Amino acid sequence: MRRVAVFRKEHFNAAHRLFNPAWDDRKNGEVFGKCAYPNYHGHNYEVIVRVIGVPDPVTGFLIDMKVLSGIIREAVLDKFDHKNLNLDTPYFRNVNPTAENIVMVIYDLLRERIDPALELQVRLYETERNFVEYPVDKE
């Protein structure tokens, strides 16, 4: 059985603040820098969803890309686009919205909607030069 990977790239814009409520402003500033400013800041995020498996012998699709796009829109974009991640979403009320935590939340939201027989990986670009992936490949 020959496996393939398909990718879908989407974008969303969101604001957040990196902050540990157990620390004072000085300590938050030392650890998180400008990302701890109390009035938040935003990013133009790019998310790349990778699905891996064996294509259907009848359709030739691993997953219909229109279906995948709809899943990403409903599970991620509708929840995060043009939102303040700290204030407007339940996912980061008690979780610091670092890129690492955001990518894991996105993975979980998608995982519950994509066939468990298919492997899933999510890459999230916070900037052109900073990105994270989840889960990571096993070595």
Protein backbone atom coordinates (compact mmCIF):
# COMPACT_ATOMS: atom_id res chain seq x y z
CA MET A 1 0.00 0.00 0.00
CA ARG A 2 1.48 3.32 -1.08
CA ARG A 3 0.99 6.20 1.32
CA VAL A 4 0.79 9.85 0.35
CA ALA A 5 0.58 13.14 2.20
CA VAL A 6 -1.76 15.96 1.25
CA PHE A 7 -1.46 19.50 2.59
CA ARG A 8 -3.92 22.33 3.04
CA LYS A 9 -2.78 25.86 3.91
CA GLU A 10 -5.07 28.38 5.57
CA HIS A 11 -4.65 31.75 7.29
CA PHE A 12 -6.14 33.46 10.29
CA ASN A 13 -5.44 36.68 12.17
CA ALA A 14 -5.59 36.74 15.94
CA ALA A 15 -4.38 38.69 18.95
CA HIS A 16 -2.93 37.27 22.14
CA ARG A 17 -0.87 38.05 25.19
CA LEU A 18 1.74 35.77 26.70
CA PHE A 19 1.40 36.10 30.43
CA ASN A 20 1.70 34.00 33.56
CA PRO A 21 -0.79 35.32 36.15
CA ALA A 22 1.35 33.93 38.97
CA TRP A 23 4.11 36.40 38.06
CA ASP A 24 4.25 40.17 38.35
CA ASP A 25 4.56 42.42 35.28
CA ARG A 26 8.34 42.65 35.64
CA LYS A 27 8.82 38.86 35.60
CA ASN A 28 6.37 38.47 32.69
CA GLY A 29 8.29 41.14 30.79
CA GLU A 30 11.60 39.39 31.44
CA VAL A 31 10.31 36.05 30.19
CA PHE A 32 7.90 37.05 27.40
CA GLY A 33 9.25 40.47 26.37
CA LYS A 34 6.93 42.58 24.21
CA CYS A 35 4.54 39.63 23.98
CA ALA A 36 3.55 40.32 27.61
CA TYR A 37 2.34 43.88 26.98
CA PRO A 38 -1.07 44.20 28.66
CA ASN A 39 -2.88 45.50 25.56
CA TYR A 40 -2.15 42.37 23.50
CA HIS A 41 -0.60 42.08 20.03
CA GLY A 42 -1.53 40.24 16.87
CA HIS A 43 -0.20 37.85 14.26
CA ASN A 44 -1.15 36.80 10.77
CA TYR A 45 -0.98 33.06 11.37
CA GLU A 46 -0.55 30.49 8.65
CA VAL A 47 -1.63 26.94 9.38
CA ILE A 48 -0.64 23.97 7.25
CA VAL A 49 -2.52 20.74 7.81
CA ARG A 50 -0.83 17.54 6.65
CA VAL A 51 -2.90 14.37 6.26
CA ILE A 52 -1.14 11.05 5.54
CA GLY A 53 -2.54 7.72 4.44
CA VAL A 54 -3.47 5.46 1.55
CA PRO A 55 -5.69 6.97 -1.16
CA ASP A 56 -9.11 5.46 -1.71
CA PRO A 57 -8.85 3.01 -4.66
CA VAL A 58 -12.17 4.18 -6.10
CA THR A 59 -11.88 7.98 -5.87
CA GLY A 60 -8.10 8.30 -5.77
CA PHE A 61 -8.52 10.76 -2.89
CA LEU A 62 -6.81 10.46 0.45
CA ILE A 63 -9.29 13.06 1.66
CA ASP A 64 -11.40 15.37 -0.46
CA MET A 65 -9.62 18.73 -0.23
CA LYS A 66 -12.94 20.62 -0.23
CA VAL A 67 -13.98 18.56 2.78
CA LEU A 68 -10.63 19.17 4.50
CA SER A 69 -10.92 22.90 3.83
CA GLY A 70 -14.40 22.92 5.37
CA ILE A 71 -13.20 21.04 8.44
CA ILE A 72 -10.36 23.53 8.96
CA ARG A 73 -12.71 26.47 8.48
CA GLU A 74 -15.29 25.17 10.97
CA ALA A 75 -12.89 23.71 13.55
CA VAL A 76 -10.22 26.44 13.51
CA LEU A 77 -10.82 29.55 11.44
CA ASP A 78 -14.36 30.22 12.65
CA LYS A 79 -13.10 29.95 16.24
CA PHE A 80 -9.81 31.89 15.97
CA ASP A 81 -9.90 34.32 13.04
CA HIS A 82 -10.06 37.98 14.14
CA LYS A 83 -10.33 36.93 17.77
CA ASN A 84 -8.39 37.69 20.90
CA LEU A 85 -7.25 34.18 21.81
CA ASN A 86 -7.01 35.01 25.53
CA LEU A 87 -10.43 36.65 25.80
CA ASP A 88 -12.62 35.38 22.96
CA THR A 89 -11.92 31.64 23.01
CA PRO A 90 -12.35 29.10 25.80
CA TYR A 91 -9.17 27.26 24.82
CA PHE A 92 -6.75 29.81 26.25
CA ARG A 93 -8.59 31.07 29.31
CA ASN A 94 -6.26 29.01 31.49
CA VAL A 95 -3.56 28.15 28.93
CA ASN A 96 -0.89 30.59 27.79
CA PRO A 97 -1.46 31.03 24.02
CA THR A 98 2.09 30.35 22.89
CA ALA A 99 2.55 29.01 19.37
CA GLU A 100 3.29 25.63 20.95
CA ASN A 101 -0.02 25.58 22.80
CA ILE A 102 -1.99 26.97 19.86
CA VAL A 103 -0.75 24.25 17.49
CA MET A 104 -1.70 21.52 19.97
CA VAL A 105 -5.20 22.98 20.39
CA ILE A 106 -5.60 23.17 16.60
CA TYR A 107 -4.46 19.56 16.28
CA ASP A 108 -7.00 18.42 18.87
CA LEU A 109 -9.82 20.33 17.18
CA LEU A 110 -8.97 18.77 13.81
CA ARG A 111 -8.21 15.28 15.12
CA GLU A 112 -11.76 14.81 16.33
CA ARG A 113 -13.09 15.61 12.82
CA ILE A 114 -10.64 13.65 10.62
CA ASP A 115 -10.76 9.88 10.11
CA PRO A 116 -8.58 8.29 12.81
CA ALA A 117 -7.12 5.92 10.18
CA LEU A 118 -5.38 8.96 8.68
CA GLU A 119 -2.28 10.48 10.24
CA LEU A 120 -2.48 14.18 10.99
CA GLN A 121 0.17 16.82 11.54
CA VAL A 122 -0.26 20.57 11.95
CA ARG A 123 2.35 23.26 11.28
CA LEU A 124 1.64 26.76 12.54
CA TYR A 125 3.58 29.82 11.40
CA GLU A 126 3.40 32.69 13.86
CA THR A 127 5.75 34.72 11.66
CA GLU A 128 7.58 33.91 8.43
CA ARG A 129 10.55 32.72 10.46
CA ASN A 130 8.90 31.20 13.54
CA PHE A 131 6.82 28.07 13.29
CA VAL A 132 5.89 24.99 15.29
CA GLU A 133 4.64 21.51 14.43
CA TYR A 134 2.55 18.97 16.27
CA PRO A 135 2.93 16.08 16.61
CA VAL A 136 6.60 15.76 15.87
CA ASP A 137 7.96 12.87 13.83
CA LYS A 138 9.29 10.00 15.86
CA GLU A 139 13.02 9.50 15.53
